[in-house]
Amino acid sequence: MNNDALNRIIELLRANNVTSDADELEKLASKYYSSSLEKKREIAYSIRSMCHPKWLGDIYIKDVSFKEWYALLDRLSKSVGR
């Protein structure tokens, strides 16, 4: 998992008062690192789902362009694999 992208996304979500999604992403990341390979696949799917343009991609993040925001989400999504 790309920790730089993960931490930046969580930081931006919190800075923009989207704490419930930031908390959920942190919880999923914690589970991802402490789970078996089989469970990691399920958790990775949940993380990729959050990175979708209709979920986190649909949120306006102040001081970051949509292009930069989508790039961060894409980097995180790709880093958890398929």
PDB file of N, CA and C in Angstrom:
ATOM      1  N   MET A   1       0.848  -1.169   0.000  1.00  0.00           N
ATOM      2  CA  MET A   1       0.000   0.000   0.000  1.00  0.00           C
ATOM      3  C   MET A   1       0.899   1.240   0.000  1.00  0.00           C
ATOM      4  N   ASN A   2       0.505   2.230  -0.768  1.00  0.00           N
ATOM      5  CA  ASN A   2       1.271   3.466  -0.855  1.00  0.00           C
ATOM      6  C   ASN A   2       0.955   4.348   0.364  1.00  0.00           C
ATOM      7  N   ASN A   3       1.847   4.304   1.355  1.00  0.00           N
ATOM      8  CA  ASN A   3       1.617   5.053   2.598  1.00  0.00           C
ATOM      9  C   ASN A   3       1.615   6.556   2.391  1.00  0.00           C
ATOM     10  N   ASP A   4       2.421   7.044   1.456  1.00  0.00           N
ATOM     11  CA  ASP A   4       2.447   8.486   1.195  1.00  0.00           C
ATOM     12  C   ASP A   4       1.089   8.962   0.699  1.00  0.00           C
ATOM     13  N   ALA A   5       0.515   8.248  -0.252  1.00  0.00           N
ATOM     14  CA  ALA A   5      -0.805   8.613  -0.776  1.00  0.00           C
ATOM     15  C   ALA A   5      -1.862   8.460   0.310  1.00  0.00           C
ATOM     16  N   LEU A   6      -1.806   7.360   1.050  1.00  0.00           N
ATOM     17  CA  LEU A   6      -2.767   7.124   2.129  1.00  0.00           C
ATOM     18  C   LEU A   6      -2.739   8.253   3.150  1.00  0.00           C
ATOM     19  N   ASN A   7      -1.553   8.580   3.639  1.00  0.00           N
ATOM     20  CA  ASN A   7      -1.435   9.623   4.666  1.00  0.00           C
ATOM     21  C   ASN A   7      -1.875  10.991   4.149  1.00  0.00           C
ATOM     22  N   ARG A   8      -1.545  11.284   2.906  1.00  0.00           N
ATOM     23  CA  ARG A   8      -1.945  12.574   2.323  1.00  0.00           C
ATOM     24  C   ARG A   8      -3.461  12.648   2.153  1.00  0.00           C
ATOM     25  N   ILE A   9      -4.082  11.577   1.709  1.00  0.00           N
ATOM     26  CA  ILE A   9      -5.539  11.549   1.559  1.00  0.00           C
ATOM     27  C   ILE A   9      -6.213  11.750   2.912  1.00  0.00           C
ATOM     28  N   ILE A  10      -5.755  11.036   3.912  1.00  0.00           N
ATOM     29  CA  ILE A  10      -6.334  11.164   5.254  1.00  0.00           C
ATOM     30  C   ILE A  10      -6.145  12.585   5.774  1.00  0.00           C
ATOM     31  N   GLU A  11      -4.962  13.131   5.581  1.00  0.00           N
ATOM     32  CA  GLU A  11      -4.668  14.508   6.006  1.00  0.00           C
ATOM     33  C   GLU A  11      -5.616  15.508   5.329  1.00  0.00           C
ATOM     34  N   LEU A  12      -5.796  15.373   4.029  1.00  0.00           N
ATOM     35  CA  LEU A  12      -6.682  16.285   3.295  1.00  0.00           C
ATOM     36  C   LEU A  12      -8.142  16.114   3.700  1.00  0.00           C
ATOM     37  N   LEU A  13      -8.560  14.886   3.916  1.00  0.00           N
ATOM     38  CA  LEU A  13      -9.939  14.655   4.365  1.00  0.00           C
ATOM     39  C   LEU A  13     -10.181  15.321   5.715  1.00  0.00           C
ATOM     40  N   ARG A  14      -9.263  15.146   6.638  1.00  0.00           N
ATOM     41  CA  ARG A  14      -9.419  15.762   7.963  1.00  0.00           C
ATOM     42  C   ARG A  14      -9.401  17.289   7.873  1.00  0.00           C
ATOM     43  N   ALA A  15      -8.512  17.837   7.042  1.00  0.00           N
ATOM     44  CA  ALA A  15      -8.420  19.290   6.885  1.00  0.00           C
ATOM     45  C   ALA A  15      -9.700  19.876   6.290  1.00  0.00           C
ATOM     46  N   ASN A  16     -10.451  19.043   5.583  1.00  0.00           N
ATOM     47  CA  ASN A  16     -11.688  19.488   4.963  1.00  0.00           C
ATOM     48  C   ASN A  16     -12.923  18.964   5.703  1.00  0.00           C
ATOM     49  N   ASN A  17     -12.723  18.569   6.957  1.00  0.00           N
ATOM     50  CA  ASN A  17     -13.796  18.119   7.843  1.00  0.00           C
ATOM     51  C   ASN A  17     -14.589  16.928   7.310  1.00  0.00           C
ATOM     52  N   VAL A  18     -13.909  16.024   6.651  1.00  0.00           N
ATOM     53  CA  VAL A  18     -14.534  14.788   6.179  1.00  0.00           C
ATOM     54  C   VAL A  18     -13.990  13.662   7.059  1.00  0.00           C
ATOM     55  N   THR A  19     -14.232  13.814   8.349  1.00  0.00           N
ATOM     56  CA  THR A  19     -13.607  12.924   9.332  1.00  0.00           C
ATOM     57  C   THR A  19     -14.129  11.494   9.285  1.00  0.00           C
ATOM     58  N   SER A  20     -15.396  11.302   8.958  1.00  0.00           N
ATOM     59  CA  SER A  20     -15.919   9.926   8.942  1.00  0.00           C
ATOM     60  C   SER A  20     -15.217   9.089   7.875  1.00  0.00           C
ATOM     61  N   ASP A  21     -14.993   9.664   6.698  1.00  0.00           N
ATOM     62  CA  ASP A  21     -14.283   8.929   5.649  1.00  0.00           C
ATOM     63  C   ASP A  21     -12.801   8.764   5.996  1.00  0.00           C
ATOM     64  N   ALA A  22     -12.202   9.764   6.625  1.00  0.00           N
ATOM     65  CA  ALA A  22     -10.805   9.654   7.057  1.00  0.00           C
ATOM     66  C   ALA A  22     -10.673   8.538   8.092  1.00  0.00           C
ATOM     67  N   ASP A  23     -11.607   8.487   9.032  1.00  0.00           N
ATOM     68  CA  ASP A  23     -11.585   7.432  10.051  1.00  0.00           C
ATOM     69  C   ASP A  23     -11.755   6.052   9.418  1.00  0.00           C
ATOM     70  N   GLU A  24     -12.676   5.942   8.463  1.00  0.00           N
ATOM     71  CA  GLU A  24     -12.919   4.662   7.796  1.00  0.00           C
ATOM     72  C   GLU A  24     -11.677   4.199   7.029  1.00  0.00           C
ATOM     73  N   LEU A  25     -11.038   5.110   6.333  1.00  0.00           N
ATOM     74  CA  LEU A  25      -9.838   4.774   5.577  1.00  0.00           C
ATOM     75  C   LEU A  25      -8.705   4.351   6.510  1.00  0.00           C
ATOM     76  N   GLU A  26      -8.548   5.041   7.629  1.00  0.00           N
ATOM     77  CA  GLU A  26      -7.533   4.651   8.618  1.00  0.00           C
ATOM     78  C   GLU A  26      -7.814   3.262   9.174  1.00  0.00           C
ATOM     79  N   LYS A  27      -9.080   2.996   9.473  1.00  0.00           N
ATOM     80  CA  LYS A  27      -9.470   1.699  10.014  1.00  0.00           C
ATOM     81  C   LYS A  27      -9.177   0.582   9.006  1.00  0.00           C
ATOM     82  N   LEU A  28      -9.522   0.823   7.741  1.00  0.00           N
ATOM     83  CA  LEU A  28      -9.252  -0.175   6.706  1.00  0.00           C
ATOM     84  C   LEU A  28      -7.756  -0.408   6.528  1.00  0.00           C
ATOM     85  N   ALA A  29      -6.968   0.654   6.556  1.00  0.00           N
ATOM     86  CA  ALA A  29      -5.515   0.525   6.405  1.00  0.00           C
ATOM     87  C   ALA A  29      -4.928  -0.289   7.555  1.00  0.00           C
ATOM     88  N   SER A  30      -5.393  -0.020   8.755  1.00  0.00           N
ATOM     89  CA  SER A  30      -4.913  -0.764   9.917  1.00  0.00           C
ATOM     90  C   SER A  30      -5.247  -2.252   9.782  1.00  0.00           C
ATOM     91  N   LYS A  31      -6.467  -2.550   9.361  1.00  0.00           N
ATOM     92  CA  LYS A  31      -6.868  -3.944   9.154  1.00  0.00           C
ATOM     93  C   LYS A  31      -6.050  -4.590   8.043  1.00  0.00           C
ATOM     94  N   TYR A  32      -5.792  -3.819   6.975  1.00  0.00           N
ATOM     95  CA  TYR A  32      -5.035  -4.339   5.829  1.00  0.00           C
ATOM     96  C   TYR A  32      -3.659  -4.831   6.282  1.00  0.00           C
ATOM     97  N   TYR A  33      -2.988  -4.033   7.095  1.00  0.00           N
ATOM     98  CA  TYR A  33      -1.635  -4.388   7.524  1.00  0.00           C
ATOM     99  C   TYR A  33      -1.595  -5.546   8.521  1.00  0.00           C
ATOM    100  N   SER A  34      -2.703  -5.790   9.205  1.00  0.00           N
ATOM    101  CA  SER A  34      -2.684  -6.834  10.226  1.00  0.00           C
ATOM    102  C   SER A  34      -3.455  -8.087   9.819  1.00  0.00           C
ATOM    103  N   SER A  35      -3.813  -8.206   8.553  1.00  0.00           N
ATOM    104  CA  SER A  35      -4.643  -9.328   8.114  1.00  0.00           C
ATOM    105  C   SER A  35      -3.881 -10.334   7.267  1.00  0.00           C
ATOM    106  N   SER A  36      -4.500 -11.493   7.134  1.00  0.00           N
ATOM    107  CA  SER A  36      -3.971 -12.534   6.253  1.00  0.00           C
ATOM    108  C   SER A  36      -4.179 -12.114   4.803  1.00  0.00           C
ATOM    109  N   LEU A  37      -3.533 -12.829   3.904  1.00  0.00           N
ATOM    110  CA  LEU A  37      -3.627 -12.510   2.478  1.00  0.00           C
ATOM    111  C   LEU A  37      -5.074 -12.549   1.998  1.00  0.00           C
ATOM    112  N   GLU A  38      -5.825 -13.539   2.435  1.00  0.00           N
ATOM    113  CA  GLU A  38      -7.226 -13.660   2.017  1.00  0.00           C
ATOM    114  C   GLU A  38      -8.034 -12.435   2.458  1.00  0.00           C
ATOM    115  N   LYS A  39      -7.877 -12.028   3.687  1.00  0.00           N
ATOM    116  CA  LYS A  39      -8.587 -10.851   4.204  1.00  0.00           C
ATOM    117  C   LYS A  39      -8.104  -9.571   3.535  1.00  0.00           C
ATOM    118  N   LYS A  40      -6.807  -9.517   3.212  1.00  0.00           N
ATOM    119  CA  LYS A  40      -6.259  -8.328   2.555  1.00  0.00           C
ATOM    120  C   LYS A  40      -6.968  -8.057   1.241  1.00  0.00           C
ATOM    121  N   ARG A  41      -7.321  -9.110   0.528  1.00  0.00           N
ATOM    122  CA  ARG A  41      -8.023  -8.940  -0.748  1.00  0.00           C
ATOM    123  C   ARG A  41      -9.363  -8.250  -0.542  1.00  0.00           C
ATOM    124  N   GLU A  42     -10.100  -8.664   0.485  1.00  0.00           N
ATOM    125  CA  GLU A  42     -11.395  -8.049   0.796  1.00  0.00           C
ATOM    126  C   GLU A  42     -11.219  -6.585   1.200  1.00  0.00           C
ATOM    127  N   ILE A  43     -10.237  -6.339   2.034  1.00  0.00           N
ATOM    128  CA  ILE A  43      -9.988  -4.977   2.518  1.00  0.00           C
ATOM    129  C   ILE A  43      -9.502  -4.092   1.378  1.00  0.00           C
ATOM    130  N   ALA A  44      -8.647  -4.645   0.509  1.00  0.00           N
ATOM    131  CA  ALA A  44      -8.166  -3.892  -0.652  1.00  0.00           C
ATOM    132  C   ALA A  44      -9.338  -3.483  -1.536  1.00  0.00           C
ATOM    133  N   TYR A  45     -10.299  -4.375  -1.702  1.00  0.00           N
ATOM    134  CA  TYR A  45     -11.492  -4.050  -2.490  1.00  0.00           C
ATOM    135  C   TYR A  45     -12.237  -2.864  -1.862  1.00  0.00           C
ATOM    136  N   SER A  46     -12.355  -2.857  -0.549  1.00  0.00           N
ATOM    137  CA  SER A  46     -13.030  -1.754   0.148  1.00  0.00           C
ATOM    138  C   SER A  46     -12.276  -0.439  -0.034  1.00  0.00           C
ATOM    139  N   ILE A  47     -10.960  -0.494   0.033  1.00  0.00           N
ATOM    140  CA  ILE A  47     -10.145   0.714  -0.162  1.00  0.00           C
ATOM    141  C   ILE A  47     -10.288   1.221  -1.585  1.00  0.00           C
ATOM    142  N   ARG A  48     -10.214   0.299  -2.548  1.00  0.00           N
ATOM    143  CA  ARG A  48     -10.393   0.706  -3.952  1.00  0.00           C
ATOM    144  C   ARG A  48     -11.770   1.314  -4.171  1.00  0.00           C
ATOM    145  N   SER A  49     -12.779   0.768  -3.518  1.00  0.00           N
ATOM    146  CA  SER A  49     -14.135   1.312  -3.638  1.00  0.00           C
ATOM    147  C   SER A  49     -14.194   2.743  -3.114  1.00  0.00           C
ATOM    148  N   MET A  50     -13.515   3.004  -2.021  1.00  0.00           N
ATOM    149  CA  MET A  50     -13.493   4.364  -1.479  1.00  0.00           C
ATOM    150  C   MET A  50     -12.798   5.334  -2.426  1.00  0.00           C
ATOM    151  N   CYS A  51     -11.824   4.857  -3.174  1.00  0.00           N
ATOM    152  CA  CYS A  51     -11.063   5.708  -4.094  1.00  0.00           C
ATOM    153  C   CYS A  51     -11.818   6.012  -5.384  1.00  0.00           C
ATOM    154  N   HIS A  52     -12.968   5.419  -5.557  1.00  0.00           N
ATOM    155  CA  HIS A  52     -13.769   5.612  -6.772  1.00  0.00           C
ATOM    156  C   HIS A  52     -14.251   7.069  -6.872  1.00  0.00           C
ATOM    157  N   PRO A  53     -14.338   7.605  -8.099  1.00  0.00           N
ATOM    158  CA  PRO A  53     -14.799   8.989  -8.283  1.00  0.00           C
ATOM    159  C   PRO A  53     -16.178   9.278  -7.698  1.00  0.00           C
ATOM    160  N   LYS A  54     -17.006   8.269  -7.541  1.00  0.00           N
ATOM    161  CA  LYS A  54     -18.340   8.502  -6.970  1.00  0.00           C
ATOM    162  C   LYS A  54     -18.333   8.480  -5.438  1.00  0.00           C
ATOM    163  N   TRP A  55     -17.189   8.165  -4.830  1.00  0.00           N
ATOM    164  CA  TRP A  55     -17.131   8.175  -3.362  1.00  0.00           C
ATOM    165  C   TRP A  55     -16.208   9.318  -2.949  1.00  0.00           C
ATOM    166  N   LEU A  56     -14.951   9.045  -2.688  1.00  0.00           N
ATOM    167  CA  LEU A  56     -14.040  10.111  -2.275  1.00  0.00           C
ATOM    168  C   LEU A  56     -13.731  11.073  -3.416  1.00  0.00           C
ATOM    169  N   GLY A  57     -13.756  10.576  -4.631  1.00  0.00           N
ATOM    170  CA  GLY A  57     -13.479  11.434  -5.775  1.00  0.00           C
ATOM    171  C   GLY A  57     -14.520  12.508  -5.983  1.00  0.00           C
ATOM    172  N   ASP A  58     -15.670  12.330  -5.393  1.00  0.00           N
ATOM    173  CA  ASP A  58     -16.768  13.283  -5.539  1.00  0.00           C
ATOM    174  C   ASP A  58     -16.710  14.405  -4.497  1.00  0.00           C
ATOM    175  N   ILE A  59     -15.751  14.343  -3.606  1.00  0.00           N
ATOM    176  CA  ILE A  59     -15.642  15.331  -2.531  1.00  0.00           C
ATOM    177  C   ILE A  59     -14.751  16.487  -2.979  1.00  0.00           C
ATOM    178  N   TYR A  60     -15.213  17.699  -2.729  1.00  0.00           N
ATOM    179  CA  TYR A  60     -14.390  18.874  -3.031  1.00  0.00           C
ATOM    180  C   TYR A  60     -13.354  19.029  -1.919  1.00  0.00           C
ATOM    181  N   ILE A  61     -12.095  19.054  -2.300  1.00  0.00           N
ATOM    182  CA  ILE A  61     -10.997  19.224  -1.359  1.00  0.00           C
ATOM    183  C   ILE A  61     -10.355  20.579  -1.624  1.00  0.00           C
ATOM    184  N   LYS A  62     -10.450  21.443  -0.646  1.00  0.00           N
ATOM    185  CA  LYS A  62      -9.915  22.794  -0.766  1.00  0.00           C
ATOM    186  C   LYS A  62      -8.398  22.776  -0.948  1.00  0.00           C
ATOM    187  N   ASP A  63      -7.909  23.661  -1.787  1.00  0.00           N
ATOM    188  CA  ASP A  63      -6.473  23.863  -2.034  1.00  0.00           C
ATOM    189  C   ASP A  63      -5.790  22.730  -2.795  1.00  0.00           C
ATOM    190  N   VAL A  64      -6.568  21.815  -3.369  1.00  0.00           N
ATOM    191  CA  VAL A  64      -6.019  20.747  -4.198  1.00  0.00           C
ATOM    192  C   VAL A  64      -6.904  20.652  -5.445  1.00  0.00           C
ATOM    193  N   SER A  65      -6.280  20.621  -6.612  1.00  0.00           N
ATOM    194  CA  SER A  65      -7.076  20.504  -7.833  1.00  0.00           C
ATOM    195  C   SER A  65      -7.701  19.113  -7.918  1.00  0.00           C
ATOM    196  N   PHE A  66      -8.785  19.015  -8.686  1.00  0.00           N
ATOM    197  CA  PHE A  66      -9.395  17.701  -8.876  1.00  0.00           C
ATOM    198  C   PHE A  66      -8.401  16.738  -9.506  1.00  0.00           C
ATOM    199  N   LYS A  67      -7.576  17.234 -10.404  1.00  0.00           N
ATOM    200  CA  LYS A  67      -6.569  16.384 -11.056  1.00  0.00           C
ATOM    201  C   LYS A  67      -5.606  15.802 -10.022  1.00  0.00           C
ATOM    202  N   GLU A  68      -5.136  16.642  -9.091  1.00  0.00           N
ATOM    203  CA  GLU A  68      -4.227  16.163  -8.038  1.00  0.00           C
ATOM    204  C   GLU A  68      -4.938  15.184  -7.103  1.00  0.00           C
ATOM    205  N   TRP A  69      -6.188  15.504  -6.766  1.00  0.00           N
ATOM    206  CA  TRP A  69      -6.973  14.660  -5.868  1.00  0.00           C
ATOM    207  C   TRP A  69      -7.190  13.284  -6.501  1.00  0.00           C
ATOM    208  N   TYR A  70      -7.610  13.281  -7.768  1.00  0.00           N
ATOM    209  CA  TYR A  70      -7.817  12.013  -8.463  1.00  0.00           C
ATOM    210  C   TYR A  70      -6.517  11.226  -8.579  1.00  0.00           C
ATOM    211  N   ALA A  71      -5.411  11.896  -8.788  1.00  0.00           N
ATOM    212  CA  ALA A  71      -4.108  11.223  -8.894  1.00  0.00           C
ATOM    213  C   ALA A  71      -3.749  10.536  -7.576  1.00  0.00           C
ATOM    214  N   LEU A  72      -4.007  11.199  -6.455  1.00  0.00           N
ATOM    215  CA  LEU A  72      -3.750  10.584  -5.145  1.00  0.00           C
ATOM    216  C   LEU A  72      -4.622   9.347  -4.949  1.00  0.00           C
ATOM    217  N   LEU A  73      -5.907   9.489  -5.265  1.00  0.00           N
ATOM    218  CA  LEU A  73      -6.820   8.358  -5.112  1.00  0.00           C
ATOM    219  C   LEU A  73      -6.416   7.203  -6.021  1.00  0.00           C
ATOM    220  N   ASP A  74      -6.004   7.518  -7.236  1.00  0.00           N
ATOM    221  CA  ASP A  74      -5.582   6.502  -8.183  1.00  0.00           C
ATOM    222  C   ASP A  74      -4.324   5.782  -7.693  1.00  0.00           C
ATOM    223  N   ARG A  75      -3.380   6.552  -7.158  1.00  0.00           N
ATOM    224  CA  ARG A  75      -2.139   5.957  -6.633  1.00  0.00           C
ATOM    225  C   ARG A  75      -2.433   4.987  -5.493  1.00  0.00           C
ATOM    226  N   LEU A  76      -3.320   5.397  -4.588  1.00  0.00           N
ATOM    227  CA  LEU A  76      -3.668   4.514  -3.472  1.00  0.00           C
ATOM    228  C   LEU A  76      -4.403   3.287  -3.981  1.00  0.00           C
ATOM    229  N   SER A  77      -5.361   3.485  -4.851  1.00  0.00           N
ATOM    230  CA  SER A  77      -6.143   2.368  -5.375  1.00  0.00           C
ATOM    231  C   SER A  77      -5.247   1.338  -6.067  1.00  0.00           C
ATOM    232  N   LYS A  78      -4.346   1.793  -6.910  1.00  0.00           N
ATOM    233  CA  LYS A  78      -3.451   0.879  -7.634  1.00  0.00           C
ATOM    234  C   LYS A  78      -2.471   0.183  -6.697  1.00  0.00           C
ATOM    235  N   SER A  79      -2.123   0.838  -5.600  1.00  0.00           N
ATOM    236  CA  SER A  79      -1.113   0.261  -4.694  1.00  0.00           C
ATOM    237  C   SER A  79      -1.650  -0.897  -3.857  1.00  0.00           C
ATOM    238  N   VAL A  80      -2.959  -1.012  -3.735  1.00  0.00           N
ATOM    239  CA  VAL A  80      -3.509  -2.146  -2.983  1.00  0.00           C
ATOM    240  C   VAL A  80      -3.823  -3.321  -3.889  1.00  0.00           C
ATOM    241  N   GLY A  81      -3.577  -3.167  -5.175  1.00  0.00           N
ATOM    242  CA  GLY A  81      -3.698  -4.270  -6.123  1.00  0.00           C
ATOM    243  C   GLY A  81      -5.118  -4.705  -6.407  1.00  0.00           C
ATOM    244  N   ARG A  82      -5.227  -5.779  -7.131  1.00  0.00           N
ATOM    245  CA  ARG A  82      -6.536  -6.320  -7.538  1.00  0.00           C
ATOM    246  C   ARG A  82      -6.780  -7.651  -6.883  1.00  0.00           C
TER     247      ARG A  82
END
